């Protein structure tokens, strides 16, 4: 990560935050060890995901794969547990 890359991180984060707030991105994760990123999009097809990715200031630094998810589940996507008073 050189200085040119680091200057693009703040505008990239602004773009990602915008997509999260719009409900386009569900999850955004980056590892410290490998600097690998996982992004879960709500999109109609792979082309739409690619359009979103291409608008990131960091796009030219990426190599990526787009996979369509079959199952997406977790604690945050379930109904809350009912607690009787």
N, C-alpha and C. Protein backbone atom coordinates (compact mmCIF):
# COMPACT_ATOMS: atom_id res chain seq x y z
N UNK A 1 0.85 -1.18 0.00
CA UNK A 1 0.00 0.00 0.00
C UNK A 1 0.89 1.24 0.00
N UNK A 2 0.95 1.90 -1.12
CA UNK A 2 1.77 3.10 -1.24
C UNK A 2 0.95 4.35 -0.89
N UNK A 3 1.60 5.49 -0.99
CA UNK A 3 0.94 6.75 -0.63
C UNK A 3 -0.25 7.06 -1.54
N UNK A 4 -0.12 6.76 -2.82
CA UNK A 4 -1.23 7.00 -3.76
C UNK A 4 -2.46 6.18 -3.36
N UNK A 5 -2.23 4.93 -2.97
CA UNK A 5 -3.33 4.07 -2.52
C UNK A 5 -3.98 4.66 -1.27
N UNK A 6 -3.15 5.04 -0.31
CA UNK A 6 -3.68 5.54 0.97
C UNK A 6 -4.49 6.83 0.80
N UNK A 7 -4.16 7.66 -0.19
CA UNK A 7 -4.94 8.88 -0.41
C UNK A 7 -6.34 8.56 -0.94
N UNK A 8 -6.51 7.37 -1.52
CA UNK A 8 -7.81 6.98 -2.06
C UNK A 8 -8.70 6.28 -1.03
N UNK A 9 -8.14 5.90 0.11
CA UNK A 9 -8.92 5.18 1.13
C UNK A 9 -10.08 6.03 1.67
N UNK A 10 -9.86 7.29 2.09
CA UNK A 10 -11.00 8.07 2.60
C UNK A 10 -12.16 8.22 1.59
N UNK A 11 -11.91 8.57 0.31
CA UNK A 11 -13.05 8.65 -0.61
C UNK A 11 -13.69 7.28 -0.87
N UNK A 12 -12.89 6.23 -0.82
CA UNK A 12 -13.45 4.88 -0.96
C UNK A 12 -14.39 4.58 0.20
N UNK A 13 -13.96 4.89 1.42
CA UNK A 13 -14.81 4.65 2.59
C UNK A 13 -16.09 5.48 2.51
N UNK A 14 -16.01 6.69 2.02
CA UNK A 14 -17.20 7.52 1.84
C UNK A 14 -18.17 6.84 0.87
N UNK A 15 -17.64 6.32 -0.22
CA UNK A 15 -18.46 5.62 -1.21
C UNK A 15 -19.09 4.36 -0.61
N UNK A 16 -18.30 3.57 0.10
CA UNK A 16 -18.82 2.35 0.73
C UNK A 16 -19.89 2.70 1.75
N UNK A 17 -19.65 3.71 2.57
CA UNK A 17 -20.65 4.13 3.57
C UNK A 17 -21.95 4.55 2.89
N UNK A 18 -21.84 5.24 1.77
CA UNK A 18 -23.02 5.66 1.00
C UNK A 18 -23.82 4.43 0.55
N UNK A 19 -23.12 3.42 0.03
CA UNK A 19 -23.81 2.20 -0.43
C UNK A 19 -24.43 1.42 0.72
N UNK A 20 -23.77 1.43 1.88
CA UNK A 20 -24.33 0.77 3.06
C UNK A 20 -25.61 1.49 3.49
N UNK A 21 -25.56 2.81 3.54
CA UNK A 21 -26.73 3.59 3.94
C UNK A 21 -27.90 3.43 2.98
N UNK A 22 -27.61 3.23 1.68
CA UNK A 22 -28.66 3.01 0.68
C UNK A 22 -29.20 1.58 0.70
N UNK A 23 -28.55 0.69 1.44
CA UNK A 23 -28.98 -0.70 1.49
C UNK A 23 -28.44 -1.54 0.34
N UNK A 24 -27.48 -1.02 -0.40
CA UNK A 24 -26.87 -1.75 -1.51
C UNK A 24 -25.85 -2.76 -0.99
N UNK A 25 -25.08 -2.36 0.03
CA UNK A 25 -24.10 -3.25 0.66
C UNK A 25 -24.66 -3.69 2.00
N UNK A 26 -24.67 -5.01 2.22
CA UNK A 26 -25.11 -5.58 3.50
C UNK A 26 -23.93 -5.74 4.45
N UNK A 27 -22.81 -6.23 3.93
CA UNK A 27 -21.61 -6.47 4.75
C UNK A 27 -20.38 -6.01 4.00
N UNK A 28 -19.44 -5.43 4.74
CA UNK A 28 -18.16 -5.01 4.18
C UNK A 28 -17.08 -5.40 5.19
N UNK A 29 -16.19 -6.29 4.78
CA UNK A 29 -15.16 -6.79 5.68
C UNK A 29 -13.80 -6.73 5.00
N UNK A 30 -12.76 -6.35 5.76
CA UNK A 30 -11.40 -6.32 5.25
C UNK A 30 -10.50 -6.97 6.29
N UNK A 31 -9.64 -7.90 5.87
CA UNK A 31 -8.70 -8.52 6.80
C UNK A 31 -7.45 -7.67 6.91
N UNK A 32 -6.89 -7.61 8.09
CA UNK A 32 -5.62 -6.89 8.29
C UNK A 32 -4.45 -7.72 7.76
N UNK A 33 -4.54 -9.02 7.92
CA UNK A 33 -3.43 -9.90 7.56
C UNK A 33 -3.17 -9.93 6.05
N UNK A 34 -4.23 -10.10 5.26
CA UNK A 34 -4.05 -10.25 3.82
C UNK A 34 -4.59 -9.08 3.01
N UNK A 35 -5.26 -8.13 3.67
CA UNK A 35 -5.94 -7.01 3.01
C UNK A 35 -6.98 -7.51 2.00
N UNK A 36 -7.50 -8.71 2.24
CA UNK A 36 -8.57 -9.25 1.40
C UNK A 36 -9.89 -8.66 1.89
N UNK A 37 -10.80 -8.43 0.94
CA UNK A 37 -12.09 -7.82 1.24
C UNK A 37 -13.22 -8.72 0.80
N UNK A 38 -14.28 -8.78 1.62
CA UNK A 38 -15.52 -9.44 1.25
C UNK A 38 -16.62 -8.39 1.33
N UNK A 39 -17.41 -8.32 0.29
CA UNK A 39 -18.54 -7.38 0.25
C UNK A 39 -19.77 -8.17 -0.17
N UNK A 40 -20.83 -8.05 0.61
CA UNK A 40 -22.10 -8.67 0.25
C UNK A 40 -23.03 -7.58 -0.24
N UNK A 41 -23.42 -7.68 -1.51
CA UNK A 41 -24.29 -6.70 -2.16
C UNK A 41 -25.72 -7.23 -2.25
N UNK A 42 -26.67 -6.34 -2.26
CA UNK A 42 -28.04 -6.64 -2.66
C UNK A 42 -28.18 -6.08 -4.07
N UNK A 43 -28.17 -6.96 -5.06
CA UNK A 43 -28.19 -6.53 -6.46
C UNK A 43 -28.96 -7.55 -7.28
N UNK A 44 -29.39 -7.14 -8.45
CA UNK A 44 -30.17 -8.02 -9.31
C UNK A 44 -29.32 -9.02 -10.08
N UNK A 45 -28.07 -8.64 -10.38
CA UNK A 45 -27.20 -9.54 -11.13
C UNK A 45 -25.73 -9.13 -10.96
N UNK A 46 -24.84 -9.93 -11.52
CA UNK A 46 -23.41 -9.67 -11.40
C UNK A 46 -22.99 -8.37 -12.07
N UNK A 47 -23.66 -8.03 -13.17
CA UNK A 47 -23.33 -6.79 -13.88
C UNK A 47 -23.60 -5.57 -12.99
N UNK A 48 -24.66 -5.61 -12.22
CA UNK A 48 -24.96 -4.50 -11.32
C UNK A 48 -23.89 -4.38 -10.23
N UNK A 49 -23.45 -5.51 -9.70
CA UNK A 49 -22.37 -5.50 -8.71
C UNK A 49 -21.11 -4.91 -9.32
N UNK A 50 -20.80 -5.32 -10.52
CA UNK A 50 -19.61 -4.81 -11.21
C UNK A 50 -19.69 -3.30 -11.41
N UNK A 51 -20.86 -2.79 -11.72
CA UNK A 51 -21.02 -1.34 -11.88
C UNK A 51 -20.73 -0.62 -10.56
N UNK A 52 -21.23 -1.16 -9.45
CA UNK A 52 -20.94 -0.56 -8.14
C UNK A 52 -19.45 -0.61 -7.84
N UNK A 53 -18.83 -1.76 -8.06
CA UNK A 53 -17.40 -1.90 -7.77
C UNK A 53 -16.56 -0.94 -8.60
N UNK A 54 -16.91 -0.78 -9.86
CA UNK A 54 -16.11 0.05 -10.76
C UNK A 54 -16.12 1.53 -10.38
N UNK A 55 -17.06 1.95 -9.57
CA UNK A 55 -17.14 3.35 -9.15
C UNK A 55 -16.29 3.66 -7.92
N UNK A 56 -15.69 2.64 -7.31
CA UNK A 56 -14.84 2.86 -6.16
C UNK A 56 -13.53 3.50 -6.59
N UNK A 57 -13.02 4.45 -5.81
CA UNK A 57 -11.71 5.03 -6.12
C UNK A 57 -10.58 3.99 -6.10
N UNK A 58 -10.77 2.88 -5.40
CA UNK A 58 -9.73 1.84 -5.31
C UNK A 58 -9.87 0.76 -6.38
N UNK A 59 -10.81 0.89 -7.27
CA UNK A 59 -11.11 -0.17 -8.24
C UNK A 59 -9.88 -0.62 -9.02
N UNK A 60 -9.03 0.27 -9.43
CA UNK A 60 -7.88 -0.10 -10.26
C UNK A 60 -6.88 -0.99 -9.52
N UNK A 61 -6.98 -1.06 -8.19
CA UNK A 61 -6.08 -1.89 -7.40
C UNK A 61 -6.61 -3.31 -7.20
N UNK A 62 -7.84 -3.56 -7.59
CA UNK A 62 -8.49 -4.82 -7.25
C UNK A 62 -8.37 -5.87 -8.32
N UNK A 63 -8.30 -7.11 -7.86
CA UNK A 63 -8.67 -8.26 -8.68
C UNK A 63 -9.80 -8.89 -7.87
N UNK A 64 -10.82 -9.37 -8.52
CA UNK A 64 -11.99 -9.82 -7.76
C UNK A 64 -12.75 -10.92 -8.49
N UNK A 65 -13.59 -11.58 -7.71
CA UNK A 65 -14.53 -12.57 -8.23
C UNK A 65 -15.90 -12.21 -7.68
N UNK A 66 -16.92 -12.40 -8.47
CA UNK A 66 -18.29 -12.16 -8.04
C UNK A 66 -19.02 -13.49 -8.04
N UNK A 67 -19.56 -13.86 -6.88
CA UNK A 67 -20.33 -15.10 -6.75
C UNK A 67 -21.73 -14.77 -6.27
N UNK A 68 -22.71 -15.42 -6.85
CA UNK A 68 -24.09 -15.27 -6.40
C UNK A 68 -24.32 -16.18 -5.20
N UNK A 69 -24.82 -15.60 -4.11
CA UNK A 69 -25.05 -16.38 -2.90
C UNK A 69 -26.37 -17.15 -2.99
N UNK A 70 -26.35 -18.34 -2.45
CA UNK A 70 -27.55 -19.16 -2.39
C UNK A 70 -28.21 -19.05 -1.01
N UNK A 71 -27.40 -19.04 0.04
CA UNK A 71 -27.90 -18.92 1.42
C UNK A 71 -27.15 -17.77 2.08
N UNK A 72 -27.89 -16.91 2.76
CA UNK A 72 -27.32 -15.80 3.50
C UNK A 72 -28.05 -15.77 4.83
N UNK A 73 -27.38 -16.18 5.91
CA UNK A 73 -28.04 -16.33 7.20
C UNK A 73 -27.07 -15.91 8.30
N UNK A 74 -27.60 -15.50 9.42
CA UNK A 74 -26.79 -15.13 10.57
C UNK A 74 -27.68 -14.56 11.66
N UNK A 75 -27.11 -14.32 12.82
CA UNK A 75 -27.88 -13.82 13.95
C UNK A 75 -28.59 -12.51 13.64
N UNK A 76 -27.94 -11.63 12.91
CA UNK A 76 -28.52 -10.32 12.62
C UNK A 76 -29.69 -10.38 11.64
N UNK A 77 -29.89 -11.53 11.01
CA UNK A 77 -30.95 -11.65 10.00
C UNK A 77 -32.10 -12.52 10.49
N UNK A 78 -32.17 -12.76 11.76
CA UNK A 78 -33.24 -13.55 12.34
C UNK A 78 -34.12 -12.68 13.22
N UNK A 79 -35.31 -13.16 13.47
CA UNK A 79 -36.21 -12.42 14.36
C UNK A 79 -35.67 -12.46 15.77
N UNK A 80 -35.90 -11.40 16.54
CA UNK A 80 -35.42 -11.38 17.93
C UNK A 80 -36.09 -12.49 18.75
N UNK A 81 -35.39 -12.97 19.77
CA UNK A 81 -35.94 -13.98 20.66
C UNK A 81 -37.01 -13.32 21.52
N UNK A 82 -38.14 -13.99 21.64
CA UNK A 82 -39.24 -13.47 22.47
C UNK A 82 -38.89 -13.70 23.93
N UNK A 83 -38.97 -12.62 24.72
CA UNK A 83 -38.71 -12.71 26.17
C UNK A 83 -39.98 -12.32 26.91
N UNK A 84 -40.52 -13.25 27.64
CA UNK A 84 -41.73 -12.99 28.41
C UNK A 84 -41.39 -12.27 29.70
N UNK A 85 -42.19 -11.27 30.06
CA UNK A 85 -41.96 -10.52 31.31
C UNK A 85 -42.73 -11.14 32.44
